[in-house]
């Protein structure tokens, strides 16, 4: 009898979580963020369309990588897209430099 009732209960509980695709993990954070992180974890564990939306927003906000397409994608989102701009660069010979 090496298994106590409490140890079996914890083991069974974790097995049920695993079958649902949920895992238990530990994170470090500010004590003031404890309830926020718990609420976020509960929402994400529901795995519904709202959780998908939250997941996408969190990934977007914490990702260090540039969005796919980089600068070109950002320029296409510009409010000046489609405007008829006439940008002309002045051409001059420059200044004389005595070397």
PDB file of N, CA and C in Angstrom:
ATOM      1  N   UNK A   1       0.834  -1.194   0.000  1.00  0.00           N
ATOM      2  CA  UNK A   1       0.000   0.000   0.000  1.00  0.00           C
ATOM      3  C   UNK A   1       0.873   1.250   0.000  1.00  0.00           C
ATOM      4  N   UNK A   2       1.522   1.483  -1.095  1.00  0.00           N
ATOM      5  CA  UNK A   2       2.349   2.677  -1.190  1.00  0.00           C
ATOM      6  C   UNK A   2       1.540   3.885  -1.665  1.00  0.00           C
ATOM      7  N   UNK A   3       0.419   3.630  -2.349  1.00  0.00           N
ATOM      8  CA  UNK A   3      -0.433   4.713  -2.828  1.00  0.00           C
ATOM      9  C   UNK A   3      -1.459   5.100  -1.773  1.00  0.00           C
ATOM     10  N   UNK A   4      -1.419   6.348  -1.354  1.00  0.00           N
ATOM     11  CA  UNK A   4      -2.451   6.818  -0.443  1.00  0.00           C
ATOM     12  C   UNK A   4      -3.664   7.222  -1.271  1.00  0.00           C
ATOM     13  N   UNK A   5      -4.778   7.377  -0.612  1.00  0.00           N
ATOM     14  CA  UNK A   5      -6.005   7.774  -1.314  1.00  0.00           C
ATOM     15  C   UNK A   5      -5.825   9.133  -1.991  1.00  0.00           C
ATOM     16  N   UNK A   6      -5.140  10.031  -1.322  1.00  0.00           N
ATOM     17  CA  UNK A   6      -4.927  11.360  -1.888  1.00  0.00           C
ATOM     18  C   UNK A   6      -4.037  11.286  -3.136  1.00  0.00           C
ATOM     19  N   UNK A   7      -2.994  10.482  -3.101  1.00  0.00           N
ATOM     20  CA  UNK A   7      -2.104  10.342  -4.255  1.00  0.00           C
ATOM     21  C   UNK A   7      -2.848   9.738  -5.432  1.00  0.00           C
ATOM     22  N   UNK A   8      -3.709   8.738  -5.179  1.00  0.00           N
ATOM     23  CA  UNK A   8      -4.506   8.142  -6.257  1.00  0.00           C
ATOM     24  C   UNK A   8      -5.476   9.154  -6.839  1.00  0.00           C
ATOM     25  N   UNK A   9      -6.087   9.961  -5.972  1.00  0.00           N
ATOM     26  CA  UNK A   9      -7.030  10.975  -6.448  1.00  0.00           C
ATOM     27  C   UNK A   9      -6.330  11.984  -7.356  1.00  0.00           C
ATOM     28  N   UNK A  10      -5.149  12.440  -6.974  1.00  0.00           N
ATOM     29  CA  UNK A  10      -4.386  13.390  -7.790  1.00  0.00           C
ATOM     30  C   UNK A  10      -4.005  12.757  -9.122  1.00  0.00           C
ATOM     31  N   UNK A  11      -3.561  11.493  -9.065  1.00  0.00           N
ATOM     32  CA  UNK A  11      -3.165  10.772 -10.280  1.00  0.00           C
ATOM     33  C   UNK A  11      -4.359  10.621 -11.228  1.00  0.00           C
ATOM     34  N   UNK A  12      -5.507  10.235 -10.682  1.00  0.00           N
ATOM     35  CA  UNK A  12      -6.721  10.084 -11.496  1.00  0.00           C
ATOM     36  C   UNK A  12      -7.163  11.418 -12.093  1.00  0.00           C
ATOM     37  N   UNK A  13      -7.091  12.475 -11.294  1.00  0.00           N
ATOM     38  CA  UNK A  13      -7.463  13.812 -11.768  1.00  0.00           C
ATOM     39  C   UNK A  13      -6.576  14.235 -12.931  1.00  0.00           C
ATOM     40  N   UNK A  14      -5.276  14.030 -12.796  1.00  0.00           N
ATOM     41  CA  UNK A  14      -4.349  14.423 -13.865  1.00  0.00           C
ATOM     42  C   UNK A  14      -4.542  13.558 -15.106  1.00  0.00           C
ATOM     43  N   UNK A  15      -4.892  12.300 -14.936  1.00  0.00           N
ATOM     44  CA  UNK A  15      -5.193  11.452 -16.089  1.00  0.00           C
ATOM     45  C   UNK A  15      -6.437  11.939 -16.832  1.00  0.00           C
ATOM     46  N   UNK A  16      -7.461  12.358 -16.073  1.00  0.00           N
ATOM     47  CA  UNK A  16      -8.665  12.902 -16.713  1.00  0.00           C
ATOM     48  C   UNK A  16      -8.349  14.178 -17.472  1.00  0.00           C
ATOM     49  N   UNK A  17      -7.494  15.030 -16.900  1.00  0.00           N
ATOM     50  CA  UNK A  17      -7.091  16.252 -17.602  1.00  0.00           C
ATOM     51  C   UNK A  17      -6.349  15.911 -18.890  1.00  0.00           C
ATOM     52  N   UNK A  18      -5.464  14.934 -18.812  1.00  0.00           N
ATOM     53  CA  UNK A  18      -4.671  14.541 -19.984  1.00  0.00           C
ATOM     54  C   UNK A  18      -5.577  14.039 -21.111  1.00  0.00           C
ATOM     55  N   UNK A  19      -6.622  13.276 -20.753  1.00  0.00           N
ATOM     56  CA  UNK A  19      -7.562  12.780 -21.760  1.00  0.00           C
ATOM     57  C   UNK A  19      -8.302  13.921 -22.450  1.00  0.00           C
ATOM     58  N   UNK A  20      -8.529  15.020 -21.735  1.00  0.00           N
ATOM     59  CA  UNK A  20      -9.181  16.193 -22.308  1.00  0.00           C
ATOM     60  C   UNK A  20      -8.205  17.067 -23.096  1.00  0.00           C
ATOM     61  N   UNK A  21      -6.920  16.718 -23.052  1.00  0.00           N
ATOM     62  CA  UNK A  21      -5.921  17.503 -23.765  1.00  0.00           C
ATOM     63  C   UNK A  21      -5.408  18.689 -22.968  1.00  0.00           C
ATOM     64  N   UNK A  22      -5.672  18.690 -21.672  1.00  0.00           N
ATOM     65  CA  UNK A  22      -5.263  19.789 -20.797  1.00  0.00           C
ATOM     66  C   UNK A  22      -4.055  19.327 -19.988  1.00  0.00           C
ATOM     67  N   UNK A  23      -3.069  20.186 -19.881  1.00  0.00           N
ATOM     68  CA  UNK A  23      -1.918  19.831 -19.056  1.00  0.00           C
ATOM     69  C   UNK A  23      -1.718  20.885 -17.972  1.00  0.00           C
ATOM     70  N   UNK A  24      -1.026  20.483 -16.964  1.00  0.00           N
ATOM     71  CA  UNK A  24      -0.775  21.341 -15.813  1.00  0.00           C
ATOM     72  C   UNK A  24       0.648  21.853 -15.918  1.00  0.00           C
ATOM     73  N   UNK A  25       0.849  23.156 -15.702  1.00  0.00           N
ATOM     74  CA  UNK A  25       2.193  23.715 -15.730  1.00  0.00           C
ATOM     75  C   UNK A  25       2.283  24.906 -14.805  1.00  0.00           C
ATOM     76  N   UNK A  26       3.496  25.274 -14.513  1.00  0.00           N
ATOM     77  CA  UNK A  26       3.758  26.354 -13.567  1.00  0.00           C
ATOM     78  C   UNK A  26       4.393  27.524 -14.304  1.00  0.00           C
ATOM     79  N   UNK A  27       3.953  28.727 -13.967  1.00  0.00           N
ATOM     80  CA  UNK A  27       4.550  29.922 -14.545  1.00  0.00           C
ATOM     81  C   UNK A  27       4.911  30.884 -13.425  1.00  0.00           C
ATOM     82  N   UNK A  28       5.856  31.760 -13.702  1.00  0.00           N
ATOM     83  CA  UNK A  28       6.239  32.788 -12.751  1.00  0.00           C
ATOM     84  C   UNK A  28       5.701  34.121 -13.243  1.00  0.00           C
ATOM     85  N   UNK A  29       5.175  34.909 -12.341  1.00  0.00           N
ATOM     86  CA  UNK A  29       4.644  36.210 -12.698  1.00  0.00           C
ATOM     87  C   UNK A  29       4.400  37.029 -11.448  1.00  0.00           C
ATOM     88  N   UNK A  30       3.904  38.223 -11.677  1.00  0.00           N
ATOM     89  CA  UNK A  30       3.585  39.104 -10.558  1.00  0.00           C
ATOM     90  C   UNK A  30       2.363  38.587  -9.813  1.00  0.00           C
ATOM     91  N   UNK A  31       2.371  38.760  -8.531  1.00  0.00           N
ATOM     92  CA  UNK A  31       1.252  38.313  -7.708  1.00  0.00           C
ATOM     93  C   UNK A  31      -0.039  39.024  -8.115  1.00  0.00           C
ATOM     94  N   UNK A  32       0.084  40.262  -8.556  1.00  0.00           N
ATOM     95  CA  UNK A  32      -1.102  41.016  -8.958  1.00  0.00           C
ATOM     96  C   UNK A  32      -1.727  40.472 -10.244  1.00  0.00           C
ATOM     97  N   UNK A  33      -0.976  39.682 -11.025  1.00  0.00           N
ATOM     98  CA  UNK A  33      -1.488  39.117 -12.278  1.00  0.00           C
ATOM     99  C   UNK A  33      -2.050  37.711 -12.103  1.00  0.00           C
ATOM    100  N   UNK A  34      -2.058  37.201 -10.901  1.00  0.00           N
ATOM    101  CA  UNK A  34      -2.479  35.818 -10.641  1.00  0.00           C
ATOM    102  C   UNK A  34      -3.878  35.540 -11.177  1.00  0.00           C
ATOM    103  N   UNK A  35      -4.839  36.359 -10.839  1.00  0.00           N
ATOM    104  CA  UNK A  35      -6.223  36.125 -11.267  1.00  0.00           C
ATOM    105  C   UNK A  35      -6.371  36.300 -12.775  1.00  0.00           C
ATOM    106  N   UNK A  36      -5.644  37.250 -13.338  1.00  0.00           N
ATOM    107  CA  UNK A  36      -5.684  37.458 -14.784  1.00  0.00           C
ATOM    108  C   UNK A  36      -5.194  36.214 -15.523  1.00  0.00           C
ATOM    109  N   UNK A  37      -4.091  35.653 -15.083  1.00  0.00           N
ATOM    110  CA  UNK A  37      -3.521  34.482 -15.745  1.00  0.00           C
ATOM    111  C   UNK A  37      -4.425  33.265 -15.554  1.00  0.00           C
ATOM    112  N   UNK A  38      -5.007  33.130 -14.405  1.00  0.00           N
ATOM    113  CA  UNK A  38      -5.934  32.013 -14.181  1.00  0.00           C
ATOM    114  C   UNK A  38      -7.160  32.145 -15.069  1.00  0.00           C
ATOM    115  N   UNK A  39      -7.703  33.365 -15.160  1.00  0.00           N
ATOM    116  CA  UNK A  39      -8.878  33.582 -16.008  1.00  0.00           C
ATOM    117  C   UNK A  39      -8.538  33.331 -17.478  1.00  0.00           C
ATOM    118  N   UNK A  40      -7.370  33.777 -17.904  1.00  0.00           N
ATOM    119  CA  UNK A  40      -6.929  33.551 -19.280  1.00  0.00           C
ATOM    120  C   UNK A  40      -6.774  32.058 -19.555  1.00  0.00           C
ATOM    121  N   UNK A  41      -6.178  31.324 -18.627  1.00  0.00           N
ATOM    122  CA  UNK A  41      -5.997  29.881 -18.792  1.00  0.00           C
ATOM    123  C   UNK A  41      -7.344  29.165 -18.871  1.00  0.00           C
ATOM    124  N   UNK A  42      -8.309  29.575 -18.050  1.00  0.00           N
ATOM    125  CA  UNK A  42      -9.634  28.955 -18.084  1.00  0.00           C
ATOM    126  C   UNK A  42     -10.314  29.198 -19.423  1.00  0.00           C
ATOM    127  N   UNK A  43     -10.204  30.429 -19.943  1.00  0.00           N
ATOM    128  CA  UNK A  43     -10.804  30.751 -21.237  1.00  0.00           C
ATOM    129  C   UNK A  43     -10.162  29.947 -22.353  1.00  0.00           C
ATOM    130  N   UNK A  44      -8.838  29.855 -22.342  1.00  0.00           N
ATOM    131  CA  UNK A  44      -8.133  29.122 -23.393  1.00  0.00           C
ATOM    132  C   UNK A  44      -8.423  27.627 -23.338  1.00  0.00           C
ATOM    133  N   UNK A  45      -8.670  27.082 -22.146  1.00  0.00           N
ATOM    134  CA  UNK A  45      -8.941  25.659 -21.990  1.00  0.00           C
ATOM    135  C   UNK A  45     -10.303  25.266 -22.559  1.00  0.00           C
ATOM    136  N   UNK A  46     -11.195  26.230 -22.755  1.00  0.00           N
ATOM    137  CA  UNK A  46     -12.515  25.927 -23.315  1.00  0.00           C
ATOM    138  C   UNK A  46     -12.425  25.536 -24.782  1.00  0.00           C
ATOM    139  N   UNK A  47     -11.383  26.000 -25.484  1.00  0.00           N
ATOM    140  CA  UNK A  47     -11.111  25.636 -26.870  1.00  0.00           C
ATOM    141  C   UNK A  47     -12.325  25.850 -27.774  1.00  0.00           C
ATOM    142  N   UNK A  48     -12.940  27.030 -27.673  1.00  0.00           N
ATOM    143  CA  UNK A  48     -14.055  27.408 -28.533  1.00  0.00           C
ATOM    144  C   UNK A  48     -13.615  28.579 -29.414  1.00  0.00           C
ATOM    145  N   UNK A  49     -14.486  29.115 -30.265  1.00  0.00           N
ATOM    146  CA  UNK A  49     -14.078  30.233 -31.129  1.00  0.00           C
ATOM    147  C   UNK A  49     -13.570  31.455 -30.352  1.00  0.00           C
ATOM    148  N   UNK A  50     -14.146  31.721 -29.197  1.00  0.00           N
ATOM    149  CA  UNK A  50     -13.664  32.849 -28.388  1.00  0.00           C
ATOM    150  C   UNK A  50     -12.238  32.588 -27.911  1.00  0.00           C
ATOM    151  N   UNK A  51     -11.946  31.347 -27.543  1.00  0.00           N
ATOM    152  CA  UNK A  51     -10.590  30.991 -27.115  1.00  0.00           C
ATOM    153  C   UNK A  51      -9.615  31.110 -28.283  1.00  0.00           C
ATOM    154  N   UNK A  52     -10.062  30.734 -29.481  1.00  0.00           N
ATOM    155  CA  UNK A  52      -9.207  30.872 -30.665  1.00  0.00           C
ATOM    156  C   UNK A  52      -8.867  32.331 -30.919  1.00  0.00           C
ATOM    157  N   UNK A  53      -9.854  33.207 -30.750  1.00  0.00           N
ATOM    158  CA  UNK A  53      -9.632  34.641 -30.947  1.00  0.00           C
ATOM    159  C   UNK A  53      -8.650  35.186 -29.905  1.00  0.00           C
ATOM    160  N   UNK A  54      -8.862  34.820 -28.656  1.00  0.00           N
ATOM    161  CA  UNK A  54      -7.966  35.265 -27.581  1.00  0.00           C
ATOM    162  C   UNK A  54      -6.554  34.754 -27.830  1.00  0.00           C
ATOM    163  N   UNK A  55      -6.448  33.485 -28.218  1.00  0.00           N
ATOM    164  CA  UNK A  55      -5.142  32.878 -28.489  1.00  0.00           C
ATOM    165  C   UNK A  55      -4.406  33.635 -29.600  1.00  0.00           C
ATOM    166  N   UNK A  56      -5.125  33.957 -30.675  1.00  0.00           N
ATOM    167  CA  UNK A  56      -4.508  34.677 -31.797  1.00  0.00           C
ATOM    168  C   UNK A  56      -4.034  36.064 -31.367  1.00  0.00           C
ATOM    169  N   UNK A  57      -4.833  36.759 -30.570  1.00  0.00           N
ATOM    170  CA  UNK A  57      -4.457  38.097 -30.116  1.00  0.00           C
ATOM    171  C   UNK A  57      -3.249  38.053 -29.183  1.00  0.00           C
ATOM    172  N   UNK A  58      -3.232  37.086 -28.290  1.00  0.00           N
ATOM    173  CA  UNK A  58      -2.099  36.971 -27.366  1.00  0.00           C
ATOM    174  C   UNK A  58      -0.832  36.628 -28.131  1.00  0.00           C
ATOM    175  N   UNK A  59      -0.931  35.696 -29.065  1.00  0.00           N
ATOM    176  CA  UNK A  59       0.237  35.329 -29.868  1.00  0.00           C
ATOM    177  C   UNK A  59       0.746  36.544 -30.634  1.00  0.00           C
ATOM    178  N   UNK A  60      -0.184  37.304 -31.214  1.00  0.00           N
ATOM    179  CA  UNK A  60       0.207  38.489 -31.981  1.00  0.00           C
ATOM    180  C   UNK A  60       0.886  39.524 -31.093  1.00  0.00           C
ATOM    181  N   UNK A  61       0.390  39.704 -29.881  1.00  0.00           N
ATOM    182  CA  UNK A  61       0.937  40.754 -29.028  1.00  0.00           C
ATOM    183  C   UNK A  61       2.260  40.362 -28.358  1.00  0.00           C
ATOM    184  N   UNK A  62       2.505  39.081 -28.140  1.00  0.00           N
ATOM    185  CA  UNK A  62       3.753  38.689 -27.479  1.00  0.00           C
ATOM    186  C   UNK A  62       4.809  38.192 -28.448  1.00  0.00           C
ATOM    187  N   UNK A  63       4.458  38.055 -29.705  1.00  0.00           N
ATOM    188  CA  UNK A  63       5.409  37.547 -30.688  1.00  0.00           C
ATOM    189  C   UNK A  63       6.471  38.591 -30.992  1.00  0.00           C
ATOM    190  N   UNK A  64       7.736  38.161 -31.009  1.00  0.00           N
ATOM    191  CA  UNK A  64       8.838  39.051 -31.360  1.00  0.00           C
ATOM    192  C   UNK A  64       9.085  39.066 -32.858  1.00  0.00           C
ATOM    193  N   UNK A  65       8.519  38.108 -33.538  1.00  0.00           N
ATOM    194  CA  UNK A  65       8.746  38.010 -34.976  1.00  0.00           C
ATOM    195  C   UNK A  65       7.907  39.042 -35.715  1.00  0.00           C
ATOM    196  N   UNK A  66       8.428  39.477 -36.864  1.00  0.00           N
ATOM    197  CA  UNK A  66       7.653  40.371 -37.708  1.00  0.00           C
ATOM    198  C   UNK A  66       6.538  39.576 -38.352  1.00  0.00           C
ATOM    199  N   UNK A  67       5.465  40.287 -38.670  1.00  0.00           N
ATOM    200  CA  UNK A  67       4.372  39.636 -39.368  1.00  0.00           C
ATOM    201  C   UNK A  67       4.858  39.159 -40.731  1.00  0.00           C
ATOM    202  N   UNK A  68       4.260  38.110 -41.220  1.00  0.00           N
ATOM    203  CA  UNK A  68       4.680  37.562 -42.504  1.00  0.00           C
ATOM    204  C   UNK A  68       4.511  38.641 -43.569  1.00  0.00           C
ATOM    205  N   UNK A  69       5.540  38.877 -44.325  1.00  0.00           N
ATOM    206  CA  UNK A  69       5.499  39.905 -45.342  1.00  0.00           C
ATOM    207  C   UNK A  69       6.279  41.133 -44.928  1.00  0.00           C
ATOM    208  N   UNK A  70       6.441  41.343 -43.642  1.00  0.00           N
ATOM    209  CA  UNK A  70       7.258  42.431 -43.132  1.00  0.00           C
ATOM    210  C   UNK A  70       6.830  43.807 -43.597  1.00  0.00           C
ATOM    211  N   UNK A  71       7.778  44.553 -44.130  1.00  0.00           N
ATOM    212  CA  UNK A  71       7.543  45.955 -44.481  1.00  0.00           C
ATOM    213  C   UNK A  71       6.535  46.097 -45.615  1.00  0.00           C
ATOM    214  N   UNK A  72       6.550  45.167 -46.562  1.00  0.00           N
ATOM    215  CA  UNK A  72       5.610  45.247 -47.677  1.00  0.00           C
ATOM    216  C   UNK A  72       4.170  45.141 -47.186  1.00  0.00           C
ATOM    217  N   UNK A  73       3.912  44.229 -46.263  1.00  0.00           N
ATOM    218  CA  UNK A  73       2.569  44.084 -45.703  1.00  0.00           C
ATOM    219  C   UNK A  73       2.159  45.349 -44.952  1.00  0.00           C
ATOM    220  N   UNK A  74       3.083  45.928 -44.207  1.00  0.00           N
ATOM    221  CA  UNK A  74       2.782  47.161 -43.471  1.00  0.00           C
ATOM    222  C   UNK A  74       2.482  48.304 -44.434  1.00  0.00           C
ATOM    223  N   UNK A  75       3.235  48.418 -45.506  1.00  0.00           N
ATOM    224  CA  UNK A  75       2.989  49.482 -46.486  1.00  0.00           C
ATOM    225  C   UNK A  75       1.648  49.312 -47.185  1.00  0.00           C
ATOM    226  N   UNK A  76       1.247  48.088 -47.408  1.00  0.00           N
ATOM    227  CA  UNK A  76      -0.054  47.853 -48.052  1.00  0.00           C
ATOM    228  C   UNK A  76      -1.215  48.231 -47.148  1.00  0.00           C
ATOM    229  N   UNK A  77      -0.985  48.266 -45.835  1.00  0.00           N
ATOM    230  CA  UNK A  77      -2.028  48.688 -44.899  1.00  0.00           C
ATOM    231  C   UNK A  77      -2.081  50.200 -44.737  1.00  0.00           C
ATOM    232  N   UNK A  78      -1.177  50.909 -45.396  1.00  0.00           N
ATOM    233  CA  UNK A  78      -1.078  52.353 -45.257  1.00  0.00           C
ATOM    234  C   UNK A  78      -2.340  53.040 -45.777  1.00  0.00           C
ATOM    235  N   UNK A  79      -2.738  54.149 -45.143  1.00  0.00           N
ATOM    236  CA  UNK A  79      -3.904  54.884 -45.632  1.00  0.00           C
ATOM    237  C   UNK A  79      -3.641  55.560 -46.981  1.00  0.00           C
ATOM    238  N   UNK A  80      -2.390  55.629 -47.410  1.00  0.00           N
ATOM    239  CA  UNK A  80      -2.058  56.269 -48.689  1.00  0.00           C
ATOM    240  C   UNK A  80      -2.140  55.309 -49.876  1.00  0.00           C
ATOM    241  N   UNK A  81      -2.487  54.050 -49.634  1.00  0.00           N
ATOM    242  CA  UNK A  81      -2.610  53.087 -50.728  1.00  0.00           C
ATOM    243  C   UNK A  81      -3.724  53.545 -51.654  1.00  0.00           C
ATOM    244  N   UNK A  82      -3.415  53.595 -52.936  1.00  0.00           N
ATOM    245  CA  UNK A  82      -4.406  54.001 -53.925  1.00  0.00           C
ATOM    246  C   UNK A  82      -4.414  55.491 -54.201  1.00  0.00           C
ATOM    247  N   UNK A  83      -3.728  56.276 -53.414  1.00  0.00           N
ATOM    248  CA  UNK A  83      -3.649  57.712 -53.650  1.00  0.00           C
ATOM    249  C   UNK A  83      -2.710  57.966 -54.824  1.00  0.00           C
ATOM    250  N   UNK A  84      -3.016  58.989 -55.593  1.00  0.00           N
ATOM    251  CA  UNK A  84      -2.179  59.340 -56.738  1.00  0.00           C
ATOM    252  C   UNK A  84      -1.135  60.344 -56.272  1.00  0.00           C
ATOM    253  N   UNK A  85       0.001  59.834 -55.846  1.00  0.00           N
ATOM    254  CA  UNK A  85       1.075  60.685 -55.359  1.00  0.00           C
ATOM    255  C   UNK A  85       2.088  60.921 -56.466  1.00  0.00           C
ATOM    256  N   UNK A  86       2.535  62.155 -56.579  1.00  0.00           N
ATOM    257  CA  UNK A  86       3.564  62.497 -57.554  1.00  0.00           C
ATOM    258  C   UNK A  86       4.804  62.907 -56.777  1.00  0.00           C
ATOM    259  N   UNK A  87       5.663  61.958 -56.538  1.00  0.00           N
ATOM    260  CA  UNK A  87       6.858  62.218 -55.749  1.00  0.00           C
ATOM    261  C   UNK A  87       8.040  62.306 -56.703  1.00  0.00           C
ATOM    262  N   UNK A  88       8.676  63.475 -56.714  1.00  0.00           N
ATOM    263  CA  UNK A  88       9.824  63.692 -57.589  1.00  0.00           C
ATOM    264  C   UNK A  88      11.015  64.039 -56.717  1.00  0.00           C
ATOM    265  N   UNK A  89      12.119  63.392 -56.980  1.00  0.00           N
ATOM    266  CA  UNK A  89      13.345  63.645 -56.235  1.00  0.00           C
ATOM    267  C   UNK A  89      14.209  64.600 -57.047  1.00  0.00           C
ATOM    268  N   UNK A  90      14.629  65.682 -56.412  1.00  0.00           N
ATOM    269  CA  UNK A  90      15.471  66.631 -57.164  1.00  0.00           C
ATOM    270  C   UNK A  90      16.838  66.011 -57.459  1.00  0.00           C
ATOM    271  N   UNK A  91      17.322  66.204 -58.674  1.00  0.00           N
ATOM    272  CA  UNK A  91      18.618  65.698 -59.084  1.00  0.00           C
ATOM    273  C   UNK A  91      19.579  66.876 -59.201  1.00  0.00           C
ATOM    274  N   UNK A  92      20.645  66.874 -58.424  1.00  0.00           N
ATOM    275  CA  UNK A  92      21.650  67.920 -58.534  1.00  0.00           C
ATOM    276  C   UNK A  92      23.041  67.264 -58.516  1.00  0.00           C
ATOM    277  N   UNK A  93      23.994  68.002 -58.914  1.00  0.00           N
ATOM    278  CA  UNK A  93      25.357  67.479 -59.033  1.00  0.00           C
ATOM    279  C   UNK A  93      26.036  67.333 -57.674  1.00  0.00           C
ATOM    280  N   UNK A  94      25.484  67.922 -56.657  1.00  0.00           N
ATOM    281  CA  UNK A  94      26.080  67.854 -55.346  1.00  0.00           C
ATOM    282  C   UNK A  94      27.083  68.990 -55.140  1.00  0.00           C
ATOM    283  N   UNK A  95      27.858  68.903 -54.129  1.00  0.00           N
ATOM    284  CA  UNK A  95      28.830  69.955 -53.823  1.00  0.00           C
ATOM    285  C   UNK A  95      30.235  69.476 -54.153  1.00  0.00           C
ATOM    286  N   UNK A  96      31.077  70.439 -54.400  1.00  0.00           N
ATOM    287  CA  UNK A  96      32.467  70.110 -54.685  1.00  0.00           C
ATOM    288  C   UNK A  96      33.217  69.961 -53.374  1.00  0.00           C
ATOM    289  N   UNK A  97      33.993  68.884 -53.296  1.00  0.00           N
ATOM    290  CA  UNK A  97      34.755  68.601 -52.098  1.00  0.00           C
ATOM    291  C   UNK A  97      36.231  68.607 -52.477  1.00  0.00           C
ATOM    292  N   UNK A  98      37.035  69.333 -51.689  1.00  0.00           N
ATOM    293  CA  UNK A  98      38.468  69.407 -51.952  1.00  0.00           C
ATOM    294  C   UNK A  98      39.159  68.310 -51.152  1.00  0.00           C
ATOM    295  N   UNK A  99      39.645  67.287 -51.843  1.00  0.00           N
ATOM    296  CA  UNK A  99      40.338  66.191 -51.178  1.00  0.00           C
ATOM    297  C   UNK A  99      41.788  66.451 -51.213  1.00  0.00           C
TER     298      UNK A  99
END
